[in-house]
Amino acid sequence: MTTVGFLYPGHFADDDFPRMEVILDTTIRLVVNRTEPGEDDHRTGTLRQRGAPERLAAGVEELRRAGAESVVWASTGGSCVYGWEGAREQSTTLARAAGLPASSTSLAFVHAVQGLGVARVAVAAPWSEETAGLFTGLLSSAGVDVVATHSGGAATAAEAAAWSVDRLKELVVAADRPEAGAVLLPGNAVHTAAHIRDLEELLSKPVLTANQVAVFEALRLARRRAWAPQLGALFAAREAPPAPAGRTIDGE
């Protein structure tokens, strides 16, 4: 049995995780500890408070007791707000507090892009243009070529959580560009686990979503491969593809 843990702010789309657990191998367990989200908006100050070290450290004991082998901070906004270097430091601090390998959704997106061997991406962000810019800035600082960013304009996590699959399709179509090798859909409050294959079939290319990449990252840290095509191209490869030539994404 491989058990991996997630710190998730609130309850907006936390049901994505049990859904993915059912789809994955029966020897994989996804444990979610819900942290206090604070105010339900995407303002920079709120996002920084949401990802504060003391708030994350308070949630790790439950994951340790559950036998987690790794932990991921499942908040794109609460990690990208710190920038590339700041997000890496946030995960290092979390790893020390947990005594486990740790990462965040923002770093997971970067590692997933690298894992797919994609050269260019488009971003379909549910948030405001300001918050979308924070995420795009982190990707660019990590060496990811972002060819387009489209903002869905959701002011709160609750608003994004209520979006239908048709609204998600509109968002990814608006963001997509022919030169993009994948479309990234950040925002852990958006329900995507049941829709990834539909979105990929619509665009004829990989679609990476927040809770999906968070799970892939947790399994990567636990050194556990999982094959689950229902969760999209990211989980469809039996073996990880080679990293692209040149600069490595995590700076090693």
C-alpha atoms as a PDB file:
ATOM      1  CA  MET A   1       0.000   0.000   0.000  1.00  0.00           C
ATOM      2  CA  THR A   2       1.260   3.456  -0.950  1.00  0.00           C
ATOM      3  CA  THR A   3      -0.261   6.302   1.075  1.00  0.00           C
ATOM      4  CA  VAL A   4       0.256   9.928   0.078  1.00  0.00           C
ATOM      5  CA  GLY A   5      -1.075  13.027   1.806  1.00  0.00           C
ATOM      6  CA  PHE A   6      -2.523  16.376   0.814  1.00  0.00           C
ATOM      7  CA  LEU A   7      -3.085  19.619   2.675  1.00  0.00           C
ATOM      8  CA  TYR A   8      -6.199  21.080   1.063  1.00  0.00           C
ATOM      9  CA  PRO A   9      -7.691  24.494   1.948  1.00  0.00           C
ATOM     10  CA  GLY A  10     -11.402  24.091   2.666  1.00  0.00           C
ATOM     11  CA  HIS A  11     -13.840  21.732   0.961  1.00  0.00           C
ATOM     12  CA  PHE A  12     -14.463  23.220  -2.481  1.00  0.00           C
ATOM     13  CA  ALA A  13     -13.319  20.336  -4.726  1.00  0.00           C
ATOM     14  CA  ASP A  14     -11.821  17.933  -2.200  1.00  0.00           C
ATOM     15  CA  ASP A  15     -14.111  15.210  -3.570  1.00  0.00           C
ATOM     16  CA  ASP A  16     -11.749  15.021  -6.560  1.00  0.00           C
ATOM     17  CA  PHE A  17      -9.332  13.032  -4.378  1.00  0.00           C
ATOM     18  CA  PRO A  18     -11.589  10.078  -3.437  1.00  0.00           C
ATOM     19  CA  ARG A  19     -12.715   9.985  -7.073  1.00  0.00           C
ATOM     20  CA  MET A  20      -9.106   9.698  -8.228  1.00  0.00           C
ATOM     21  CA  GLU A  21      -8.352   7.129  -5.538  1.00  0.00           C
ATOM     22  CA  VAL A  22     -11.057   4.890  -7.011  1.00  0.00           C
ATOM     23  CA  ILE A  23      -9.612   5.311 -10.504  1.00  0.00           C
ATOM     24  CA  LEU A  24      -6.041   4.590  -9.404  1.00  0.00           C
ATOM     25  CA  ASP A  25      -4.540   1.284  -8.318  1.00  0.00           C
ATOM     26  CA  THR A  26      -6.274  -0.292  -5.313  1.00  0.00           C
ATOM     27  CA  THR A  27      -2.956  -0.210  -3.442  1.00  0.00           C
ATOM     28  CA  ILE A  28      -2.811   3.597  -3.578  1.00  0.00           C
ATOM     29  CA  ARG A  29      -4.419   5.657  -0.817  1.00  0.00           C
ATOM     30  CA  LEU A  30      -4.970   9.421  -0.997  1.00  0.00           C
ATOM     31  CA  VAL A  31      -5.355  11.071   2.423  1.00  0.00           C
ATOM     32  CA  VAL A  32      -6.637  14.655   2.602  1.00  0.00           C
ATOM     33  CA  ASN A  33      -6.303  16.956   5.601  1.00  0.00           C
ATOM     34  CA  ARG A  34      -8.356  20.124   5.184  1.00  0.00           C
ATOM     35  CA  THR A  35      -6.599  23.267   6.330  1.00  0.00           C
ATOM     36  CA  GLU A  36      -8.305  26.503   7.324  1.00  0.00           C
ATOM     37  CA  PRO A  37      -8.701  28.472   4.056  1.00  0.00           C
ATOM     38  CA  GLY A  38      -9.318  31.880   5.630  1.00  0.00           C
ATOM     39  CA  GLU A  39     -11.126  34.382   3.426  1.00  0.00           C
ATOM     40  CA  ASP A  40     -12.577  32.942   0.210  1.00  0.00           C
ATOM     41  CA  ASP A  41     -10.926  35.181  -2.355  1.00  0.00           C
ATOM     42  CA  HIS A  42      -7.816  35.290  -4.497  1.00  0.00           C
ATOM     43  CA  ARG A  43      -6.263  38.522  -3.287  1.00  0.00           C
ATOM     44  CA  THR A  44      -2.499  38.339  -2.875  1.00  0.00           C
ATOM     45  CA  GLY A  45      -2.622  38.891   0.887  1.00  0.00           C
ATOM     46  CA  THR A  46      -5.228  36.177   1.348  1.00  0.00           C
ATOM     47  CA  LEU A  47      -3.247  33.702  -0.736  1.00  0.00           C
ATOM     48  CA  ARG A  48      -0.061  34.391   1.243  1.00  0.00           C
ATOM     49  CA  GLN A  49      -1.899  33.850   4.533  1.00  0.00           C
ATOM     50  CA  ARG A  50      -3.408  30.626   3.168  1.00  0.00           C
ATOM     51  CA  GLY A  51       0.056  29.226   2.451  1.00  0.00           C
ATOM     52  CA  ALA A  52       1.795  30.515   5.577  1.00  0.00           C
ATOM     53  CA  PRO A  53       4.309  28.022   7.059  1.00  0.00           C
ATOM     54  CA  GLU A  54       2.593  27.814  10.445  1.00  0.00           C
ATOM     55  CA  ARG A  55      -0.780  27.075   8.847  1.00  0.00           C
ATOM     56  CA  LEU A  56       0.661  24.242   6.769  1.00  0.00           C
ATOM     57  CA  ALA A  57       2.743  22.828   9.621  1.00  0.00           C
ATOM     58  CA  ALA A  58      -0.403  22.558  11.752  1.00  0.00           C
ATOM     59  CA  GLY A  59      -1.876  20.064   9.308  1.00  0.00           C
ATOM     60  CA  VAL A  60       0.942  17.562   8.884  1.00  0.00           C
ATOM     61  CA  GLU A  61       0.565  15.495  12.061  1.00  0.00           C
ATOM     62  CA  GLU A  62      -2.675  13.903  10.855  1.00  0.00           C
ATOM     63  CA  LEU A  63      -0.988  12.915   7.582  1.00  0.00           C
ATOM     64  CA  ARG A  64       1.966  11.388   9.415  1.00  0.00           C
ATOM     65  CA  ARG A  65      -0.398   9.341  11.593  1.00  0.00           C
ATOM     66  CA  ALA A  66      -2.138   8.122   8.442  1.00  0.00           C
ATOM     67  CA  GLY A  67       1.174   6.750   7.150  1.00  0.00           C
ATOM     68  CA  ALA A  68       1.711   9.276   4.359  1.00  0.00           C
ATOM     69  CA  GLU A  69       4.959   8.802   2.458  1.00  0.00           C
ATOM     70  CA  SER A  70       4.827  12.290   0.939  1.00  0.00           C
ATOM     71  CA  VAL A  71       2.768  15.450   1.281  1.00  0.00           C
ATOM     72  CA  VAL A  72       1.596  18.037  -1.262  1.00  0.00           C
ATOM     73  CA  TRP A  73       0.148  21.472  -0.500  1.00  0.00           C
ATOM     74  CA  ALA A  74      -2.907  21.322  -2.758  1.00  0.00           C
ATOM     75  CA  SER A  75      -3.345  25.025  -3.433  1.00  0.00           C
ATOM     76  CA  THR A  76      -2.113  26.546  -6.680  1.00  0.00           C
ATOM     77  CA  GLY A  77      -2.833  30.103  -5.585  1.00  0.00           C
ATOM     78  CA  GLY A  78      -1.426  29.514  -2.109  1.00  0.00           C
ATOM     79  CA  SER A  79       1.898  28.459  -3.609  1.00  0.00           C
ATOM     80  CA  CYS A  80       2.326  30.478  -6.824  1.00  0.00           C
ATOM     81  CA  VAL A  81       1.798  33.710  -4.857  1.00  0.00           C
ATOM     82  CA  TYR A  82       5.322  33.231  -3.465  1.00  0.00           C
ATOM     83  CA  GLY A  83       6.957  32.999  -6.890  1.00  0.00           C
ATOM     84  CA  TRP A  84       9.195  30.184  -8.143  1.00  0.00           C
ATOM     85  CA  GLU A  85      11.926  30.460  -5.521  1.00  0.00           C
ATOM     86  CA  GLY A  86       9.447  31.226  -2.762  1.00  0.00           C
ATOM     87  CA  ALA A  87       7.311  28.213  -3.672  1.00  0.00           C
ATOM     88  CA  ARG A  88      10.372  25.980  -3.527  1.00  0.00           C
ATOM     89  CA  GLU A  89      11.255  27.382  -0.106  1.00  0.00           C
ATOM     90  CA  GLN A  90       7.650  26.860   1.020  1.00  0.00           C
ATOM     91  CA  SER A  91       7.879  23.181   0.091  1.00  0.00           C
ATOM     92  CA  THR A  92      11.278  22.816   1.779  1.00  0.00           C
ATOM     93  CA  THR A  93       9.838  24.287   4.979  1.00  0.00           C
ATOM     94  CA  LEU A  94       6.828  21.962   4.719  1.00  0.00           C
ATOM     95  CA  ALA A  95       9.114  18.957   4.233  1.00  0.00           C
ATOM     96  CA  ARG A  96      11.015  19.849   7.400  1.00  0.00           C
ATOM     97  CA  ALA A  97       7.793  20.226   9.380  1.00  0.00           C
ATOM     98  CA  ALA A  98       6.373  16.950   8.079  1.00  0.00           C
ATOM     99  CA  GLY A  99       9.564  14.926   8.058  1.00  0.00           C
ATOM    100  CA  LEU A 100       8.458  13.779   4.603  1.00  0.00           C
ATOM    101  CA  PRO A 101       9.158  14.671   0.970  1.00  0.00           C
ATOM    102  CA  ALA A 102       6.917  17.636   0.187  1.00  0.00           C
ATOM    103  CA  SER A 103       5.827  19.801  -2.719  1.00  0.00           C
ATOM    104  CA  SER A 104       2.952  22.028  -3.842  1.00  0.00           C
ATOM    105  CA  THR A 105       0.538  22.194  -6.743  1.00  0.00           C
ATOM    106  CA  SER A 106       2.471  25.004  -8.433  1.00  0.00           C
ATOM    107  CA  LEU A 107       5.677  22.958  -8.403  1.00  0.00           C
ATOM    108  CA  ALA A 108       3.660  19.923  -9.485  1.00  0.00           C
ATOM    109  CA  PHE A 109       2.534  21.735 -12.638  1.00  0.00           C
ATOM    110  CA  VAL A 110       6.143  22.507 -13.511  1.00  0.00           C
ATOM    111  CA  HIS A 111       7.252  18.913 -12.929  1.00  0.00           C
ATOM    112  CA  ALA A 112       4.275  17.579 -14.915  1.00  0.00           C
ATOM    113  CA  VAL A 113       5.155  19.777 -17.902  1.00  0.00           C
ATOM    114  CA  GLN A 114       8.701  18.473 -17.711  1.00  0.00           C
ATOM    115  CA  GLY A 115       7.449  14.890 -17.410  1.00  0.00           C
ATOM    116  CA  LEU A 116       5.358  15.212 -20.547  1.00  0.00           C
ATOM    117  CA  GLY A 117       8.285  16.719 -22.447  1.00  0.00           C
ATOM    118  CA  VAL A 118       6.139  19.668 -23.558  1.00  0.00           C
ATOM    119  CA  ALA A 119       7.977  22.733 -24.873  1.00  0.00           C
ATOM    120  CA  ARG A 120       5.139  25.309 -24.741  1.00  0.00           C
ATOM    121  CA  VAL A 121       1.918  25.590 -22.764  1.00  0.00           C
ATOM    122  CA  ALA A 122      -1.225  27.707 -22.557  1.00  0.00           C
ATOM    123  CA  VAL A 123      -2.821  28.589 -19.213  1.00  0.00           C
ATOM    124  CA  ALA A 124      -6.590  28.465 -18.669  1.00  0.00           C
ATOM    125  CA  ALA A 125      -6.864  30.038 -15.220  1.00  0.00           C
ATOM    126  CA  PRO A 126     -10.217  30.264 -13.445  1.00  0.00           C
ATOM    127  CA  TRP A 127      -9.141  33.300 -11.439  1.00  0.00           C
ATOM    128  CA  SER A 128      -8.682  37.015 -12.068  1.00  0.00           C
ATOM    129  CA  GLU A 129      -6.007  38.255 -14.455  1.00  0.00           C
ATOM    130  CA  GLU A 130      -3.865  39.314 -11.487  1.00  0.00           C
ATOM    131  CA  THR A 131      -3.806  35.838  -9.922  1.00  0.00           C
ATOM    132  CA  ALA A 132      -3.395  34.181 -13.311  1.00  0.00           C
ATOM    133  CA  GLY A 133      -0.371  36.405 -13.813  1.00  0.00           C
ATOM    134  CA  LEU A 134       1.181  35.117 -10.583  1.00  0.00           C
ATOM    135  CA  PHE A 135       0.903  31.544 -11.840  1.00  0.00           C
ATOM    136  CA  THR A 136       2.207  32.404 -15.294  1.00  0.00           C
ATOM    137  CA  GLY A 137       5.096  34.259 -13.702  1.00  0.00           C
ATOM    138  CA  LEU A 138       6.076  31.214 -11.648  1.00  0.00           C
ATOM    139  CA  LEU A 139       6.000  29.012 -14.745  1.00  0.00           C
ATOM    140  CA  SER A 140       8.128  31.451 -16.708  1.00  0.00           C
ATOM    141  CA  SER A 141      10.658  31.715 -13.880  1.00  0.00           C
ATOM    142  CA  ALA A 142      10.892  27.907 -13.907  1.00  0.00           C
ATOM    143  CA  GLY A 143      11.706  27.890 -17.620  1.00  0.00           C
ATOM    144  CA  VAL A 144       8.255  26.967 -18.941  1.00  0.00           C
ATOM    145  CA  ASP A 145       7.303  28.798 -22.162  1.00  0.00           C
ATOM    146  CA  VAL A 146       3.756  30.143 -21.711  1.00  0.00           C
ATOM    147  CA  VAL A 147       2.305  31.138 -25.092  1.00  0.00           C
ATOM    148  CA  ALA A 148      -1.095  32.350 -23.844  1.00  0.00           C
ATOM    149  CA  THR A 149      -2.975  32.988 -20.598  1.00  0.00           C
ATOM    150  CA  HIS A 150      -6.743  33.264 -20.363  1.00  0.00           C
ATOM    151  CA  SER A 151      -8.528  34.320 -17.177  1.00  0.00           C
ATOM    152  CA  GLY A 152     -11.953  32.957 -16.251  1.00  0.00           C
ATOM    153  CA  GLY A 153     -12.547  35.780 -13.776  1.00  0.00           C
ATOM    154  CA  ALA A 154     -13.802  33.761 -10.776  1.00  0.00           C
ATOM    155  CA  ALA A 155     -13.520  35.972  -7.693  1.00  0.00           C
ATOM    156  CA  THR A 156     -13.767  33.177  -5.128  1.00  0.00           C
ATOM    157  CA  ALA A 157     -13.038  29.477  -4.764  1.00  0.00           C
ATOM    158  CA  ALA A 158     -16.749  28.821  -4.227  1.00  0.00           C
ATOM    159  CA  GLU A 159     -17.537  30.401  -7.580  1.00  0.00           C
ATOM    160  CA  ALA A 160     -14.944  28.270  -9.388  1.00  0.00           C
ATOM    161  CA  ALA A 161     -16.122  25.121  -7.590  1.00  0.00           C
ATOM    162  CA  ALA A 162     -19.611  25.617  -9.017  1.00  0.00           C
ATOM    163  CA  TRP A 163     -18.469  25.639 -12.643  1.00  0.00           C
ATOM    164  CA  SER A 164     -19.916  22.986 -14.947  1.00  0.00           C
ATOM    165  CA  VAL A 165     -17.921  20.917 -17.408  1.00  0.00           C
ATOM    166  CA  ASP A 166     -19.294  23.142 -20.195  1.00  0.00           C
ATOM    167  CA  ARG A 167     -17.781  26.181 -18.461  1.00  0.00           C
ATOM    168  CA  LEU A 168     -14.445  24.346 -18.193  1.00  0.00           C
ATOM    169  CA  LYS A 169     -14.580  23.522 -21.887  1.00  0.00           C
ATOM    170  CA  GLU A 170     -15.167  27.172 -22.733  1.00  0.00           C
ATOM    171  CA  LEU A 171     -12.191  28.131 -20.576  1.00  0.00           C
ATOM    172  CA  VAL A 172      -9.684  25.700 -22.110  1.00  0.00           C
ATOM    173  CA  VAL A 173     -10.820  26.437 -25.676  1.00  0.00           C
ATOM    174  CA  ALA A 174     -10.367  30.163 -25.075  1.00  0.00           C
ATOM    175  CA  ALA A 175      -6.850  29.590 -23.726  1.00  0.00           C
ATOM    176  CA  ASP A 176      -5.628  27.053 -26.276  1.00  0.00           C
ATOM    177  CA  ARG A 177      -3.203  27.930 -29.049  1.00  0.00           C
ATOM    178  CA  PRO A 178      -1.954  25.715 -31.909  1.00  0.00           C
ATOM    179  CA  GLU A 179       1.646  26.032 -30.706  1.00  0.00           C
ATOM    180  CA  ALA A 180       0.798  24.928 -27.140  1.00  0.00           C
ATOM    181  CA  GLY A 181       1.704  21.323 -26.422  1.00  0.00           C
ATOM    182  CA  ALA A 182      -0.589  21.250 -23.384  1.00  0.00           C
ATOM    183  CA  VAL A 183      -3.168  23.400 -21.629  1.00  0.00           C
ATOM    184  CA  LEU A 184      -2.813  23.981 -17.880  1.00  0.00           C
ATOM    185  CA  LEU A 185      -5.924  24.489 -15.753  1.00  0.00           C
ATOM    186  CA  PRO A 186      -4.805  25.627 -12.284  1.00  0.00           C
ATOM    187  CA  GLY A 187      -7.073  26.108  -9.284  1.00  0.00           C
ATOM    188  CA  ASN A 188      -7.639  23.283  -6.800  1.00  0.00           C
ATOM    189  CA  ALA A 189     -11.196  24.467  -6.165  1.00  0.00           C
ATOM    190  CA  VAL A 190     -12.241  23.433  -9.687  1.00  0.00           C
ATOM    191  CA  HIS A 191     -13.785  19.972 -10.095  1.00  0.00           C
ATOM    192  CA  THR A 192     -11.830  18.318 -12.907  1.00  0.00           C
ATOM    193  CA  ALA A 193     -11.155  14.657 -12.028  1.00  0.00           C
ATOM    194  CA  ALA A 194     -14.237  13.447 -13.897  1.00  0.00           C
ATOM    195  CA  HIS A 195     -13.614  15.622 -16.954  1.00  0.00           C
ATOM    196  CA  ILE A 196      -9.923  15.393 -17.888  1.00  0.00           C
ATOM    197  CA  ARG A 197     -10.360  12.946 -20.764  1.00  0.00           C
ATOM    198  CA  ASP A 198     -13.264  14.957 -22.162  1.00  0.00           C
ATOM    199  CA  LEU A 199     -11.153  18.110 -22.101  1.00  0.00           C
ATOM    200  CA  GLU A 200      -8.223  16.340 -23.765  1.00  0.00           C
ATOM    201  CA  GLU A 201     -10.446  14.886 -26.486  1.00  0.00           C
ATOM    202  CA  LEU A 202     -11.881  18.352 -27.091  1.00  0.00           C
ATOM    203  CA  LEU A 203      -8.426  19.908 -27.596  1.00  0.00           C
ATOM    204  CA  SER A 204      -6.567  16.842 -28.925  1.00  0.00           C
ATOM    205  CA  LYS A 205      -3.718  17.516 -26.497  1.00  0.00           C
ATOM    206  CA  PRO A 206      -2.857  16.971 -22.820  1.00  0.00           C
ATOM    207  CA  VAL A 207      -4.742  18.975 -20.226  1.00  0.00           C
ATOM    208  CA  LEU A 208      -3.131  19.307 -16.802  1.00  0.00           C
ATOM    209  CA  THR A 209      -5.410  20.197 -13.902  1.00  0.00           C
ATOM    210  CA  ALA A 210      -4.570  21.177 -10.336  1.00  0.00           C
ATOM    211  CA  ASN A 211      -5.781  18.199  -8.308  1.00  0.00           C
ATOM    212  CA  GLN A 212      -4.580  15.786 -11.007  1.00  0.00           C
ATOM    213  CA  VAL A 213      -1.000  17.105 -10.948  1.00  0.00           C
ATOM    214  CA  ALA A 214      -1.041  17.261  -7.142  1.00  0.00           C
ATOM    215  CA  VAL A 215      -1.734  13.515  -7.030  1.00  0.00           C
ATOM    216  CA  PHE A 216       0.891  12.784  -9.671  1.00  0.00           C
ATOM    217  CA  GLU A 217       3.426  14.834  -7.702  1.00  0.00           C
ATOM    218  CA  ALA A 218       2.672  13.066  -4.415  1.00  0.00           C
ATOM    219  CA  LEU A 219       3.132   9.688  -6.088  1.00  0.00           C
ATOM    220  CA  ARG A 220       6.339  10.882  -7.756  1.00  0.00           C
ATOM    221  CA  LEU A 221       7.749  11.888  -4.382  1.00  0.00           C
ATOM    222  CA  ALA A 222       6.750   8.504  -2.970  1.00  0.00           C
ATOM    223  CA  ARG A 223       8.477   6.842  -5.962  1.00  0.00           C
ATOM    224  CA  ARG A 224       5.254   5.158  -7.036  1.00  0.00           C
ATOM    225  CA  ARG A 225       4.278   4.962 -10.712  1.00  0.00           C
ATOM    226  CA  ALA A 226       0.571   4.802 -11.543  1.00  0.00           C
ATOM    227  CA  TRP A 227      -1.114   4.060 -14.853  1.00  0.00           C
ATOM    228  CA  ALA A 228      -4.624   5.496 -15.148  1.00  0.00           C
ATOM    229  CA  PRO A 229      -5.523   6.790 -18.641  1.00  0.00           C
ATOM    230  CA  GLN A 230      -8.893   7.977 -17.339  1.00  0.00           C
ATOM    231  CA  LEU A 231      -6.897  10.719 -15.589  1.00  0.00           C
ATOM    232  CA  GLY A 232      -5.398  11.935 -18.846  1.00  0.00           C
ATOM    233  CA  ALA A 233      -2.124  11.843 -20.705  1.00  0.00           C
ATOM    234  CA  LEU A 234      -0.149  12.517 -17.532  1.00  0.00           C
ATOM    235  CA  PHE A 235      -1.168   9.117 -16.172  1.00  0.00           C
ATOM    236  CA  ALA A 236      -1.246   7.301 -19.521  1.00  0.00           C
ATOM    237  CA  ALA A 237       2.460   6.509 -19.874  1.00  0.00           C
ATOM    238  CA  ARG A 238       3.757   3.223 -18.486  1.00  0.00           C
ATOM    239  CA  GLU A 239       7.172   4.828 -18.006  1.00  0.00           C
ATOM    240  CA  ALA A 240       8.116   8.450 -17.449  1.00  0.00           C
ATOM    241  CA  PRO A 241       9.440  10.117 -20.642  1.00  0.00           C
ATOM    242  CA  PRO A 242      12.953  11.555 -20.586  1.00  0.00           C
ATOM    243  CA  ALA A 243      13.329  15.125 -19.335  1.00  0.00           C
ATOM    244  CA  PRO A 244      13.800  17.720 -22.081  1.00  0.00           C
ATOM    245  CA  ALA A 245      17.337  18.764 -22.904  1.00  0.00           C
ATOM    246  CA  GLY A 246      18.728  21.919 -21.366  1.00  0.00           C
ATOM    247  CA  ARG A 247      17.802  23.473 -18.049  1.00  0.00           C
ATOM    248  CA  THR A 248      16.093  21.133 -15.593  1.00  0.00           C
ATOM    249  CA  ILE A 249      12.809  22.390 -14.235  1.00  0.00           C
ATOM    250  CA  ASP A 250      13.592  22.003 -10.561  1.00  0.00           C
ATOM    251  CA  GLY A 251      16.963  23.645 -10.894  1.00  0.00           C
ATOM    252  CA  GLU A 252      19.035  20.590  -9.997  1.00  0.00           C
END
